[in-house]
N, C-alpha and C. Protein backbone atom coordinates (compact mmCIF):
# COMPACT_ATOMS: atom_id res chain seq x y z
N MET A 1 0.82 -1.20 0.06
CA MET A 1 0.00 -0.05 0.01
C MET A 1 0.93 1.19 -0.07
N ARG A 2 0.53 2.06 -0.90
CA ARG A 2 1.36 3.24 -1.06
C ARG A 2 0.68 4.50 -0.33
N ALA A 3 1.33 4.99 0.70
CA ALA A 3 0.77 6.12 1.34
C ALA A 3 1.13 7.45 0.66
N THR A 4 0.29 8.34 0.53
CA THR A 4 0.59 9.65 -0.15
C THR A 4 0.41 10.64 0.97
N ILE A 5 1.45 11.51 1.17
CA ILE A 5 1.57 12.50 2.19
C ILE A 5 1.47 13.97 1.54
N PHE A 6 0.38 14.56 1.91
CA PHE A 6 0.22 15.89 1.48
C PHE A 6 0.73 16.90 2.47
N MET A 7 1.40 17.76 2.03
CA MET A 7 1.98 18.89 2.96
C MET A 7 1.19 20.17 2.59
N LEU A 8 0.73 20.68 3.69
CA LEU A 8 -0.02 21.97 3.55
C LEU A 8 0.80 23.10 4.03
N VAL A 9 1.24 23.99 3.26
CA VAL A 9 2.03 25.18 3.76
C VAL A 9 1.05 26.45 3.91
N VAL A 10 1.18 26.96 5.01
CA VAL A 10 0.38 28.07 5.38
C VAL A 10 1.37 29.26 5.63
N THR A 11 1.12 30.29 5.07
CA THR A 11 1.92 31.55 5.27
C THR A 11 1.24 32.49 6.10
N LEU A 12 1.75 32.90 7.27
CA LEU A 12 1.19 33.78 8.35
C LEU A 12 1.79 35.18 7.97
N THR A 13 1.00 36.19 7.93
CA THR A 13 1.42 37.41 7.71
C THR A 13 1.17 38.30 8.94
N THR A 14 2.26 38.92 9.44
CA THR A 14 2.17 39.65 10.67
C THR A 14 1.43 40.80 10.53
N ALA A 15 0.88 41.37 11.62
CA ALA A 15 0.05 42.61 11.64
C ALA A 15 0.99 43.82 11.06
N SER A 16 2.25 43.76 11.66
CA SER A 16 3.03 44.98 10.99
C SER A 16 3.32 44.95 9.49
N SER A 17 3.01 43.91 8.80
CA SER A 17 3.33 43.78 7.37
C SER A 17 2.07 44.08 6.54
N ALA A 18 1.07 44.35 7.15
CA ALA A 18 -0.20 44.58 6.43
C ALA A 18 -0.73 46.06 6.66
N PRO A 19 -0.16 46.99 6.03
CA PRO A 19 -0.71 48.30 6.21
C PRO A 19 -2.14 48.57 5.97
N GLY A 20 -2.77 49.27 6.85
CA GLY A 20 -4.11 49.49 6.70
C GLY A 20 -5.00 48.35 7.37
N ALA A 21 -4.40 47.40 7.84
CA ALA A 21 -5.20 46.31 8.51
C ALA A 21 -5.69 46.58 9.89
N THR A 22 -6.49 45.81 10.44
CA THR A 22 -6.88 46.10 11.83
C THR A 22 -6.61 44.87 12.66
N VAL A 23 -6.06 44.87 13.85
CA VAL A 23 -5.87 43.84 14.67
C VAL A 23 -6.79 43.80 16.03
N PHE A 24 -7.49 42.76 16.10
CA PHE A 24 -8.57 42.78 17.13
C PHE A 24 -8.04 42.20 18.52
N PHE A 25 -8.43 42.71 19.55
CA PHE A 25 -8.22 42.43 20.93
C PHE A 25 -9.54 42.23 21.48
N ASP A 26 -10.05 40.82 21.66
CA ASP A 26 -11.37 40.55 22.22
C ASP A 26 -11.51 39.36 23.04
N ASP A 27 -10.38 39.01 23.87
CA ASP A 27 -10.47 37.85 24.58
C ASP A 27 -10.66 38.06 26.06
N ASP A 28 -11.29 39.22 26.35
CA ASP A 28 -11.42 39.38 27.85
C ASP A 28 -10.15 39.52 28.63
N GLY A 29 -9.08 39.50 28.09
CA GLY A 29 -7.84 39.68 28.87
C GLY A 29 -7.17 41.02 28.94
N THR A 30 -5.89 41.05 29.46
CA THR A 30 -5.27 42.33 29.47
C THR A 30 -3.97 42.30 28.77
N HIS A 31 -3.73 43.31 27.89
CA HIS A 31 -2.53 43.39 27.00
C HIS A 31 -1.85 44.59 27.01
N SER A 32 -0.50 44.58 26.93
CA SER A 32 0.31 45.75 26.85
C SER A 32 0.91 46.01 25.55
N ILE A 33 0.97 47.12 25.03
CA ILE A 33 1.72 47.45 23.75
C ILE A 33 2.78 48.39 24.07
N ASP A 34 4.02 47.99 23.79
CA ASP A 34 5.21 48.72 24.28
C ASP A 34 6.27 48.67 23.18
N ASP A 35 5.86 48.48 21.91
CA ASP A 35 6.91 48.48 20.87
C ASP A 35 6.09 48.97 19.61
N ALA A 36 6.84 48.67 18.50
CA ALA A 36 6.30 49.36 17.28
C ALA A 36 5.61 48.21 16.33
N THR A 37 5.19 47.19 17.02
CA THR A 37 4.46 46.01 16.27
C THR A 37 3.29 46.62 15.61
N PHE A 38 2.53 47.61 16.00
CA PHE A 38 1.25 47.98 15.40
C PHE A 38 1.55 49.42 14.64
N SER A 39 2.80 49.63 14.27
CA SER A 39 2.99 50.86 13.74
C SER A 39 2.27 51.15 12.27
N ALA A 40 1.78 50.21 11.71
CA ALA A 40 1.12 50.40 10.35
C ALA A 40 -0.25 49.81 10.31
N VAL A 41 -0.88 49.62 11.53
CA VAL A 41 -2.10 49.03 11.60
C VAL A 41 -3.06 49.79 12.65
N ALA A 42 -4.36 49.48 12.63
CA ALA A 42 -5.18 49.99 13.67
C ALA A 42 -5.49 48.86 14.74
N ILE A 43 -5.80 49.12 15.86
CA ILE A 43 -6.13 48.13 16.84
C ILE A 43 -7.53 48.41 17.27
N ASP A 44 -8.32 47.35 17.38
CA ASP A 44 -9.65 47.27 17.79
C ASP A 44 -9.93 46.58 19.15
N VAL A 45 -10.37 47.14 20.21
CA VAL A 45 -10.42 46.58 21.55
C VAL A 45 -11.86 46.57 21.97
N ARG A 46 -12.30 45.28 22.33
CA ARG A 46 -13.79 45.08 22.62
C ARG A 46 -13.99 43.79 23.65
N SER A 47 -15.15 43.58 23.98
CA SER A 47 -15.49 42.34 24.80
C SER A 47 -14.68 42.37 26.15
N MET A 48 -14.69 43.52 26.92
CA MET A 48 -14.18 43.58 28.26
C MET A 48 -12.73 43.28 28.24
N THR A 49 -12.10 43.49 27.13
CA THR A 49 -10.57 43.41 27.01
C THR A 49 -9.99 44.72 27.36
N THR A 50 -8.83 44.69 27.88
CA THR A 50 -8.08 45.91 28.38
C THR A 50 -6.75 45.86 27.56
N VAL A 51 -6.42 47.06 27.00
CA VAL A 51 -5.19 47.28 26.35
C VAL A 51 -4.46 48.49 27.04
N ASN A 52 -3.22 48.28 27.44
CA ASN A 52 -2.52 49.34 27.97
C ASN A 52 -1.42 49.77 27.02
N VAL A 53 -1.28 51.10 26.70
CA VAL A 53 -0.39 51.55 25.75
C VAL A 53 0.64 52.29 26.47
N VAL A 54 1.92 51.92 26.43
CA VAL A 54 2.89 52.50 27.24
C VAL A 54 4.21 52.78 26.37
N ASP A 55 5.18 53.47 26.92
CA ASP A 55 6.49 53.85 26.15
C ASP A 55 7.05 52.42 25.84
N PRO A 56 7.86 52.48 24.56
CA PRO A 56 7.82 53.38 23.50
C PRO A 56 6.84 52.77 22.37
N ALA A 57 5.68 52.48 22.61
CA ALA A 57 4.66 52.11 21.71
C ALA A 57 4.62 53.08 20.45
N LEU A 58 4.35 52.39 19.39
CA LEU A 58 3.94 53.21 18.23
C LEU A 58 2.84 52.54 17.48
N ILE A 59 1.68 53.24 17.47
CA ILE A 59 0.51 52.74 16.87
C ILE A 59 0.01 53.83 15.77
N GLY A 60 -0.46 53.39 14.64
CA GLY A 60 -0.87 54.24 13.61
C GLY A 60 -1.38 53.48 12.33
N ASN A 61 -2.55 53.79 12.03
CA ASN A 61 -3.10 53.19 10.80
C ASN A 61 -2.81 54.15 9.50
N ASP A 62 -1.91 53.82 8.58
CA ASP A 62 -1.56 54.57 7.61
C ASP A 62 -2.61 54.78 6.51
N ASN A 63 -3.93 54.25 6.78
CA ASN A 63 -4.95 54.61 5.82
C ASN A 63 -5.73 55.86 6.23
N GLY A 64 -5.23 56.45 7.39
CA GLY A 64 -5.65 57.85 7.76
C GLY A 64 -7.06 57.81 8.50
N PHE A 65 -7.62 56.65 8.79
CA PHE A 65 -8.87 56.67 9.42
C PHE A 65 -8.91 56.38 10.92
N LEU A 66 -8.84 55.14 11.31
CA LEU A 66 -8.82 54.80 12.63
C LEU A 66 -7.46 54.32 13.07
N SER A 67 -7.05 54.75 14.30
CA SER A 67 -5.77 54.13 14.83
C SER A 67 -6.17 53.24 16.01
N ILE A 68 -6.99 53.78 16.97
CA ILE A 68 -7.47 52.87 17.98
C ILE A 68 -8.92 52.99 18.09
N ASN A 69 -9.69 51.93 18.05
CA ASN A 69 -11.08 51.86 18.21
C ASN A 69 -11.44 50.93 19.38
N ALA A 70 -12.06 51.55 20.46
CA ALA A 70 -12.55 50.87 21.61
C ALA A 70 -14.01 50.77 21.57
N THR A 71 -14.64 49.72 21.69
CA THR A 71 -16.00 49.37 21.56
C THR A 71 -16.46 48.28 22.27
N GLU A 72 -17.85 48.16 22.53
CA GLU A 72 -18.40 47.02 23.23
C GLU A 72 -17.60 46.64 24.61
N ASN A 73 -17.56 47.67 25.46
CA ASN A 73 -17.07 47.41 26.78
C ASN A 73 -15.40 47.29 26.78
N GLY A 74 -14.89 47.71 25.71
CA GLY A 74 -13.36 47.56 25.66
C GLY A 74 -12.88 48.65 26.49
N VAL A 75 -11.54 48.50 27.03
CA VAL A 75 -10.88 49.40 27.76
C VAL A 75 -9.46 49.80 27.33
N VAL A 76 -9.21 50.86 27.02
CA VAL A 76 -7.81 51.35 26.57
C VAL A 76 -7.23 52.35 27.45
N ASN A 77 -6.06 52.03 28.05
CA ASN A 77 -5.25 52.95 28.93
C ASN A 77 -4.12 53.50 28.13
N ILE A 78 -4.01 54.82 27.77
CA ILE A 78 -2.78 55.26 27.16
C ILE A 78 -2.00 56.19 28.22
N SER A 79 -0.84 55.79 28.46
CA SER A 79 0.19 56.45 29.33
C SER A 79 1.44 56.82 28.81
N GLY A 80 1.54 56.36 27.49
CA GLY A 80 2.83 56.67 26.89
C GLY A 80 2.78 56.35 25.30
N GLY A 81 3.98 56.24 24.77
CA GLY A 81 4.10 55.94 23.26
C GLY A 81 3.46 57.01 22.47
N THR A 82 3.40 56.65 21.06
CA THR A 82 3.05 57.62 19.95
C THR A 82 1.88 57.12 19.29
N THR A 83 1.03 57.86 18.99
CA THR A 83 -0.20 57.27 18.18
C THR A 83 -0.24 58.23 17.05
N VAL A 84 -0.20 57.71 15.80
CA VAL A 84 -0.10 58.77 14.64
C VAL A 84 -1.31 58.33 13.66
N GLY A 85 -1.82 59.34 12.99
CA GLY A 85 -2.73 59.39 11.99
C GLY A 85 -4.15 58.90 12.51
N GLY A 86 -5.09 59.20 11.83
CA GLY A 86 -6.60 58.82 12.13
C GLY A 86 -7.14 59.21 13.39
N MET A 87 -7.86 58.48 14.06
CA MET A 87 -8.54 58.88 15.30
C MET A 87 -8.42 57.78 16.34
N VAL A 88 -8.59 58.30 17.57
CA VAL A 88 -8.84 57.33 18.68
C VAL A 88 -10.36 57.54 19.10
N GLN A 89 -11.01 56.35 19.12
CA GLN A 89 -12.36 56.35 19.35
C GLN A 89 -12.82 55.50 20.33
N ALA A 90 -14.02 56.01 21.11
CA ALA A 90 -14.59 55.14 22.15
C ALA A 90 -16.09 55.18 21.81
N LEU A 91 -16.71 54.01 21.83
CA LEU A 91 -18.34 53.87 21.69
C LEU A 91 -18.71 52.66 22.22
N GLN A 92 -20.02 52.62 22.52
CA GLN A 92 -20.64 51.42 23.02
C GLN A 92 -20.22 50.95 24.39
N ASN A 93 -20.21 51.88 25.31
CA ASN A 93 -19.71 51.54 26.80
C ASN A 93 -18.11 51.24 26.85
N ALA A 94 -17.48 51.59 25.84
CA ALA A 94 -16.04 51.40 26.04
C ALA A 94 -15.37 52.69 26.75
N VAL A 95 -14.23 52.51 27.29
CA VAL A 95 -13.69 53.66 28.01
C VAL A 95 -12.23 53.72 27.55
N VAL A 96 -11.76 54.99 27.10
CA VAL A 96 -10.34 55.44 26.93
C VAL A 96 -9.92 56.33 27.90
N THR A 97 -8.88 55.92 28.56
CA THR A 97 -8.20 56.82 29.60
C THR A 97 -6.91 57.30 29.12
N ILE A 98 -6.57 58.60 28.99
CA ILE A 98 -5.34 59.08 28.57
C ILE A 98 -4.58 59.89 29.67
N THR A 99 -3.44 59.38 30.01
CA THR A 99 -2.70 60.28 30.93
C THR A 99 -1.34 60.47 30.53
N GLY A 100 -0.87 60.20 29.30
CA GLY A 100 0.26 60.57 28.66
C GLY A 100 0.35 60.09 27.29
N GLY A 101 1.62 60.23 26.69
CA GLY A 101 1.74 59.87 25.35
C GLY A 101 1.64 60.90 24.44
N ASN A 102 2.01 60.69 23.14
CA ASN A 102 2.04 61.79 22.15
C ASN A 102 0.96 61.33 21.01
N LEU A 103 -0.24 62.08 20.96
CA LEU A 103 -1.27 61.93 20.06
C LEU A 103 -1.37 63.03 19.02
N GLY A 104 -0.18 63.62 18.57
CA GLY A 104 -0.20 64.62 17.67
C GLY A 104 1.05 64.64 16.84
N GLU A 105 1.48 63.48 16.38
CA GLU A 105 2.76 63.49 15.74
C GLU A 105 2.69 63.86 14.29
N ASN A 106 1.51 63.68 13.61
CA ASN A 106 1.47 64.28 12.20
C ASN A 106 0.85 65.67 12.25
N ASP A 107 0.80 66.29 11.07
CA ASP A 107 0.32 67.63 10.76
C ASP A 107 -1.13 67.79 11.27
N ASP A 108 -1.88 66.85 11.00
CA ASP A 108 -3.34 66.91 11.30
C ASP A 108 -3.63 66.50 12.66
N GLY A 109 -2.72 65.84 13.42
CA GLY A 109 -2.98 65.37 14.71
C GLY A 109 -3.97 64.13 14.69
N VAL A 110 -4.21 63.61 15.92
CA VAL A 110 -4.92 62.55 15.95
C VAL A 110 -6.20 63.08 16.80
N SER A 111 -7.45 62.93 16.15
CA SER A 111 -8.75 63.46 16.74
C SER A 111 -9.22 62.34 17.84
N LEU A 112 -9.63 62.83 18.81
CA LEU A 112 -10.38 61.91 19.94
C LEU A 112 -11.97 61.99 19.90
N ARG A 113 -12.48 60.85 19.59
CA ARG A 113 -14.06 60.83 19.48
C ARG A 113 -14.71 59.90 20.40
N ALA A 114 -15.54 60.55 21.25
CA ALA A 114 -16.49 59.70 22.08
C ALA A 114 -17.84 59.68 21.59
N LEU A 115 -18.36 58.59 21.30
CA LEU A 115 -19.53 58.40 20.62
C LEU A 115 -20.51 57.25 21.26
N PHE A 116 -21.76 57.48 21.07
CA PHE A 116 -22.90 56.40 21.34
C PHE A 116 -22.47 55.58 22.57
N GLY A 117 -22.49 56.35 23.74
CA GLY A 117 -22.11 55.77 24.89
C GLY A 117 -20.69 55.40 25.32
N GLY A 118 -19.78 55.75 24.44
CA GLY A 118 -18.45 55.49 24.88
C GLY A 118 -17.82 56.67 25.64
N ARG A 119 -16.75 56.47 26.31
CA ARG A 119 -16.28 57.66 27.12
C ARG A 119 -14.80 57.84 26.91
N ILE A 120 -14.35 58.84 27.01
CA ILE A 120 -12.86 59.32 26.99
C ILE A 120 -12.56 60.15 28.09
N ASP A 121 -11.61 59.98 28.85
CA ASP A 121 -11.16 60.74 30.03
C ASP A 121 -9.71 61.18 29.75
N VAL A 122 -9.38 62.50 29.62
CA VAL A 122 -8.04 62.94 29.39
C VAL A 122 -7.62 63.64 30.51
N PHE A 123 -6.41 63.22 31.11
CA PHE A 123 -5.60 63.79 32.19
C PHE A 123 -4.29 64.38 31.84
N GLY A 124 -3.83 63.93 30.62
CA GLY A 124 -2.41 64.24 30.27
C GLY A 124 -2.20 63.82 28.82
N GLY A 125 -1.06 64.12 28.41
CA GLY A 125 -0.62 63.69 26.94
C GLY A 125 -0.45 64.90 26.05
N THR A 126 0.06 64.73 24.81
CA THR A 126 0.21 65.82 23.89
C THR A 126 -0.72 65.51 22.67
N PHE A 127 -1.39 66.64 22.36
CA PHE A 127 -2.58 66.46 21.39
C PHE A 127 -2.46 67.67 20.41
N SER A 128 -2.79 67.35 19.07
CA SER A 128 -3.07 68.43 18.19
C SER A 128 -4.31 68.33 17.42
N GLY A 129 -5.09 67.28 17.59
CA GLY A 129 -6.28 67.20 16.96
C GLY A 129 -7.46 67.54 17.61
N THR A 130 -8.73 67.23 17.09
CA THR A 130 -9.90 67.69 17.65
C THR A 130 -10.34 66.76 18.79
N PHE A 131 -11.02 67.33 19.77
CA PHE A 131 -11.79 66.62 20.86
C PHE A 131 -13.19 66.64 20.39
N PHE A 132 -13.84 65.42 20.25
CA PHE A 132 -15.19 65.40 19.57
C PHE A 132 -16.05 64.39 20.38
N GLU A 133 -17.26 64.89 20.63
CA GLU A 133 -18.27 64.23 21.33
C GLU A 133 -19.55 64.28 20.67
N ALA A 134 -20.37 63.14 20.43
CA ALA A 134 -21.66 63.21 19.75
C ALA A 134 -22.39 61.83 20.17
N GLY A 135 -23.71 61.82 20.03
CA GLY A 135 -24.45 60.53 20.18
C GLY A 135 -24.50 60.02 21.63
N LEU A 136 -24.68 60.89 22.48
CA LEU A 136 -24.55 60.47 24.06
C LEU A 136 -23.23 59.86 24.40
N GLY A 137 -22.10 60.38 23.85
CA GLY A 137 -20.91 59.95 24.41
C GLY A 137 -20.51 60.84 25.55
N GLN A 138 -19.47 60.48 26.17
CA GLN A 138 -18.96 61.24 27.43
C GLN A 138 -17.41 61.53 27.12
N PHE A 139 -17.17 62.86 27.34
CA PHE A 139 -15.85 63.30 26.92
C PHE A 139 -15.43 64.28 28.18
N ASN A 140 -14.45 63.74 28.97
CA ASN A 140 -14.10 64.56 30.18
C ASN A 140 -12.64 64.95 30.10
N VAL A 141 -12.37 66.13 30.39
CA VAL A 141 -11.04 66.72 30.31
C VAL A 141 -10.66 67.28 31.87
N PHE A 142 -9.58 66.75 32.41
CA PHE A 142 -9.14 67.09 33.70
C PHE A 142 -7.91 68.01 33.77
N GLY A 143 -7.97 69.20 34.42
CA GLY A 143 -6.86 70.03 34.52
C GLY A 143 -7.11 71.34 35.26
N THR A 144 -6.49 72.43 34.95
CA THR A 144 -6.73 73.63 35.68
C THR A 144 -6.73 74.74 34.61
N GLY A 145 -7.55 75.68 34.87
CA GLY A 145 -7.72 76.84 34.03
C GLY A 145 -8.45 76.40 32.68
N LEU A 146 -9.17 75.47 32.67
CA LEU A 146 -9.82 75.02 31.48
C LEU A 146 -10.91 75.78 30.94
N SER A 147 -10.97 76.17 29.75
CA SER A 147 -12.18 76.96 29.20
C SER A 147 -12.25 76.74 27.66
N ILE A 148 -13.42 76.93 27.23
CA ILE A 148 -13.69 76.85 25.63
C ILE A 148 -14.22 78.18 25.21
N THR A 149 -13.51 78.64 24.31
CA THR A 149 -13.88 79.95 23.64
C THR A 149 -13.83 79.79 22.18
N ASP A 150 -14.89 80.10 21.44
CA ASP A 150 -15.03 79.96 20.05
C ASP A 150 -14.55 78.69 19.51
N GLY A 151 -14.86 77.62 20.15
CA GLY A 151 -14.67 76.22 19.85
C GLY A 151 -13.20 75.90 20.00
N ILE A 152 -12.50 76.53 20.76
CA ILE A 152 -11.20 76.18 21.13
C ILE A 152 -11.04 75.88 22.67
N LEU A 153 -10.45 74.82 23.07
CA LEU A 153 -10.26 74.55 24.36
C LEU A 153 -8.82 74.97 24.88
N THR A 154 -8.78 75.70 25.82
CA THR A 154 -7.47 76.12 26.51
C THR A 154 -7.37 75.77 27.98
N GLY A 155 -6.23 75.81 28.40
CA GLY A 155 -5.96 75.46 29.82
C GLY A 155 -4.72 74.53 29.85
N THR A 156 -4.74 73.88 31.17
CA THR A 156 -3.53 72.91 31.35
C THR A 156 -4.01 71.65 31.92
N LEU A 157 -3.51 70.60 31.33
CA LEU A 157 -3.97 69.31 31.85
C LEU A 157 -3.36 69.00 33.23
N THR A 158 -3.79 67.89 33.76
CA THR A 158 -3.14 67.54 35.16
C THR A 158 -1.66 67.23 35.07
N ASP A 159 -1.07 66.83 33.94
CA ASP A 159 0.33 66.50 33.87
C ASP A 159 1.04 67.80 33.49
N GLY A 160 0.35 69.02 33.42
CA GLY A 160 1.12 70.08 33.03
C GLY A 160 1.23 70.55 31.66
N THR A 161 0.56 69.67 30.79
CA THR A 161 0.54 70.01 29.33
C THR A 161 -0.42 71.10 28.98
N PRO A 162 -0.07 72.19 28.17
CA PRO A 162 -1.02 73.13 27.78
C PRO A 162 -1.90 72.66 26.71
N LEU A 163 -3.15 73.17 26.60
CA LEU A 163 -4.17 72.72 25.68
C LEU A 163 -4.29 73.97 24.78
N ASN A 164 -4.64 73.62 23.49
CA ASN A 164 -5.06 74.55 22.51
C ASN A 164 -5.69 73.82 21.36
N ASN A 165 -6.81 73.25 21.60
CA ASN A 165 -7.38 72.23 20.57
C ASN A 165 -8.73 72.66 20.32
N PRO A 166 -9.17 72.36 18.91
CA PRO A 166 -10.52 72.49 18.68
C PRO A 166 -11.43 71.53 19.30
N VAL A 167 -12.65 71.86 19.62
CA VAL A 167 -13.62 70.77 20.23
C VAL A 167 -14.94 70.92 19.58
N SER A 168 -15.58 69.84 19.71
CA SER A 168 -17.01 69.75 19.13
C SER A 168 -17.97 68.90 20.04
N GLY A 169 -19.11 69.33 20.29
CA GLY A 169 -20.10 68.57 21.12
C GLY A 169 -19.88 68.97 22.63
N ASN A 170 -20.33 68.06 23.45
CA ASN A 170 -20.38 68.43 24.98
C ASN A 170 -19.11 67.91 25.58
N ILE A 171 -18.15 68.85 25.79
CA ILE A 171 -16.90 68.49 26.39
C ILE A 171 -16.94 68.83 27.74
N VAL A 172 -16.89 68.08 28.77
CA VAL A 172 -17.08 68.29 30.21
C VAL A 172 -15.61 68.71 30.80
N LEU A 173 -15.71 69.92 31.35
CA LEU A 173 -14.33 70.43 31.89
C LEU A 173 -14.35 70.18 33.37
N ASN A 174 -13.28 69.56 33.89
CA ASN A 174 -13.14 69.21 35.38
C ASN A 174 -11.89 70.00 35.94
N ASP A 175 -12.20 71.09 36.65
CA ASP A 175 -11.17 71.81 37.01
C ASP A 175 -10.73 71.43 38.30
N ILE A 176 -9.44 70.99 38.47
CA ILE A 176 -9.06 70.34 39.76
C ILE A 176 -8.23 71.42 40.60
N SER A 177 -8.22 72.57 40.22
CA SER A 177 -7.44 73.64 41.05
C SER A 177 -7.93 73.82 42.34
N VAL A 178 -9.29 73.43 42.61
CA VAL A 178 -9.84 73.73 44.05
C VAL A 178 -9.71 72.49 44.92
N ILE A 179 -8.94 71.53 44.50
CA ILE A 179 -8.85 70.38 45.43
C ILE A 179 -8.11 70.71 46.63
N PRO A 180 -8.51 70.53 47.89
CA PRO A 180 -7.67 70.90 49.04
C PRO A 180 -6.36 70.13 49.13
N GLU A 181 -5.40 70.71 49.75
CA GLU A 181 -4.11 70.07 49.96
C GLU A 181 -4.32 69.04 51.04
N PRO A 182 -3.45 67.97 51.14
CA PRO A 182 -3.64 67.16 52.31
C PRO A 182 -3.71 67.67 53.74
N SER A 183 -2.80 68.76 53.80
CA SER A 183 -2.71 69.38 55.07
C SER A 183 -4.15 70.07 55.52
N SER A 184 -4.75 70.67 54.55
CA SER A 184 -5.99 71.30 54.71
C SER A 184 -7.07 70.19 55.06
N LEU A 185 -6.98 69.08 54.26
CA LEU A 185 -7.83 67.93 54.65
C LEU A 185 -7.75 67.40 56.11
N VAL A 186 -6.47 67.49 56.63
CA VAL A 186 -6.27 67.03 57.97
C VAL A 186 -6.86 67.99 58.96
N LEU A 187 -6.63 69.24 58.61
CA LEU A 187 -7.30 70.30 59.47
C LEU A 187 -8.83 70.23 59.48
N LEU A 188 -9.33 69.98 58.41
CA LEU A 188 -10.97 69.73 58.28
C LEU A 188 -11.33 68.79 59.15
N ALA A 189 -10.63 67.54 59.14
CA ALA A 189 -10.92 66.31 59.79
C ALA A 189 -10.77 66.50 61.37
N CYS A 190 -9.78 67.32 61.65
CA CYS A 190 -9.63 67.66 63.12
C CYS A 190 -10.68 68.51 63.66
N GLY A 191 -11.10 69.51 62.80
CA GLY A 191 -12.13 70.28 63.08
C GLY A 191 -13.44 69.58 63.24
N ALA A 192 -13.85 68.71 62.37
CA ALA A 192 -15.08 67.83 62.52
C ALA A 192 -14.93 67.00 63.84
N LEU A 193 -13.83 66.49 64.05
CA LEU A 193 -13.74 65.55 65.19
C LEU A 193 -14.06 66.38 66.51
N SER A 194 -13.50 67.62 66.62
CA SER A 194 -13.58 68.45 67.68
C SER A 194 -15.12 68.75 67.78
N MET A 195 -15.72 69.19 66.72
CA MET A 195 -17.17 69.45 66.84
C MET A 195 -18.00 68.24 67.32
N MET A 196 -17.66 67.03 66.78
CA MET A 196 -18.36 65.85 67.37
C MET A 196 -18.10 65.67 68.88
N THR A 197 -16.82 65.90 69.36
CA THR A 197 -16.61 65.69 70.70
C THR A 197 -17.47 66.72 71.58
N LEU A 198 -17.43 68.00 71.15
CA LEU A 198 -18.16 68.99 71.84
C LEU A 198 -19.70 68.58 71.95
N GLY A 199 -20.11 68.02 70.80
CA GLY A 199 -21.54 67.79 70.65
C GLY A 199 -21.87 66.60 71.65
N ILE A 200 -21.00 65.62 71.72
CA ILE A 200 -21.27 64.45 72.60
C ILE A 200 -21.18 64.93 74.07
N GLY A 201 -20.24 65.88 74.37
CA GLY A 201 -20.20 66.35 75.76
C GLY A 201 -21.38 67.15 76.10
N ARG A 202 -21.81 67.99 75.26
CA ARG A 202 -22.96 68.65 75.67
C ARG A 202 -24.21 67.83 75.82
N ALA A 203 -24.43 66.81 75.00
CA ALA A 203 -25.47 65.88 75.21
C ALA A 203 -25.47 65.18 76.44
N LYS A 204 -24.22 64.75 76.88
CA LYS A 204 -24.09 64.17 78.16
C LYS A 204 -24.44 65.07 79.35
N ARG A 205 -24.01 66.47 79.20
CA ARG A 205 -24.45 67.39 80.31
C ARG A 205 -25.94 67.50 80.26
N ASP A 206 -26.59 67.62 79.16
CA ASP A 206 -28.07 67.81 79.08
C ASP A 206 -28.63 66.55 79.74
N GLN A 207 -28.21 65.37 79.43
CA GLN A 207 -28.85 64.27 79.98
C GLN A 207 -28.72 64.15 81.56
N SER A 208 -27.50 64.72 81.97
CA SER A 208 -27.27 64.69 83.54
C SER A 208 -28.12 65.68 84.15
N GLU A 209 -28.42 66.82 83.60
CA GLU A 209 -29.22 67.90 84.21
C GLU A 209 -30.70 67.37 84.21
N LYS A 210 -31.18 66.61 83.25
CA LYS A 210 -32.43 66.07 83.22
C LYS A 210 -32.71 65.11 84.38
N SER A 211 -31.57 64.20 84.54
CA SER A 211 -31.66 63.24 85.67
C SER A 211 -31.75 63.84 87.02
N ASP A 212 -30.98 65.10 87.26
CA ASP A 212 -31.11 65.86 88.56
C ASP A 212 -32.42 66.30 88.86
N CYS A 213 -33.08 66.82 87.79
CA CYS A 213 -34.45 67.45 87.88
C CYS A 213 -35.38 66.31 88.24
N LEU A 214 -35.24 65.20 87.92
CA LEU A 214 -36.18 64.10 88.18
C LEU A 214 -35.83 63.66 89.66
C-alpha cells in the first residue's frame, strides 16, 4: 500500500506587514503594547478586553482613518508611546483613559471621538487634533484653568501640558485647581472631630441635668 503525504503550507502575515489592517483584541484579557508592532495598523479593543499603551509604543493606521477603536465594553489606557494618523475612538460603553503619550505626531493630529455611549477621559498627553463628542458619548477633560472659547479648548492638563485644541460637542471640563491640599484635609478632619466631641459632651451634660431634675 502506497501512502501519499500531502503537505499544506500556510503563510502567516504579521500585523506590521499589512498596512491598513486592523488587529482585534477581544479575549477578555489584559494586554500591553510597548513596541512598534502596530506601527502600520489599527487596533480594535472590545468584549471587556483591556489594552495598556505604554512607552515606547508606536501605533498608527496609515490609511488615515482609525488608529485605536474601543467598543463593546473595551478598555484602553494610554500612558505613553506615540499614536499617529486617524482617530482614537470610544463607543458602546468602551472607555479610553489618556494620562500621557503623544497623540499629535502628524500635521493633522489625532482626533479623539467619544460616541454612542463611549467615554474618553483626558488627564495628560500631547494633542493636536480635535476633541469630539456626539451621540450620547462622554468626553471629560481634567486640568486647571480649562475653558472653551469660540470652539477652542485652552488650559492645562493635570500633567502640566497646555491645551489649544478645537472641540465639538459636549466636552465636560473638570477643574481640579480647587482640590484641598492634604494638610487642609487634616485640619478639616480635626475640626470635624472636635465638633463631634463637643456635641457628645453637651449631650451628656443635658442628660445629666435632666436626671437631676427628676
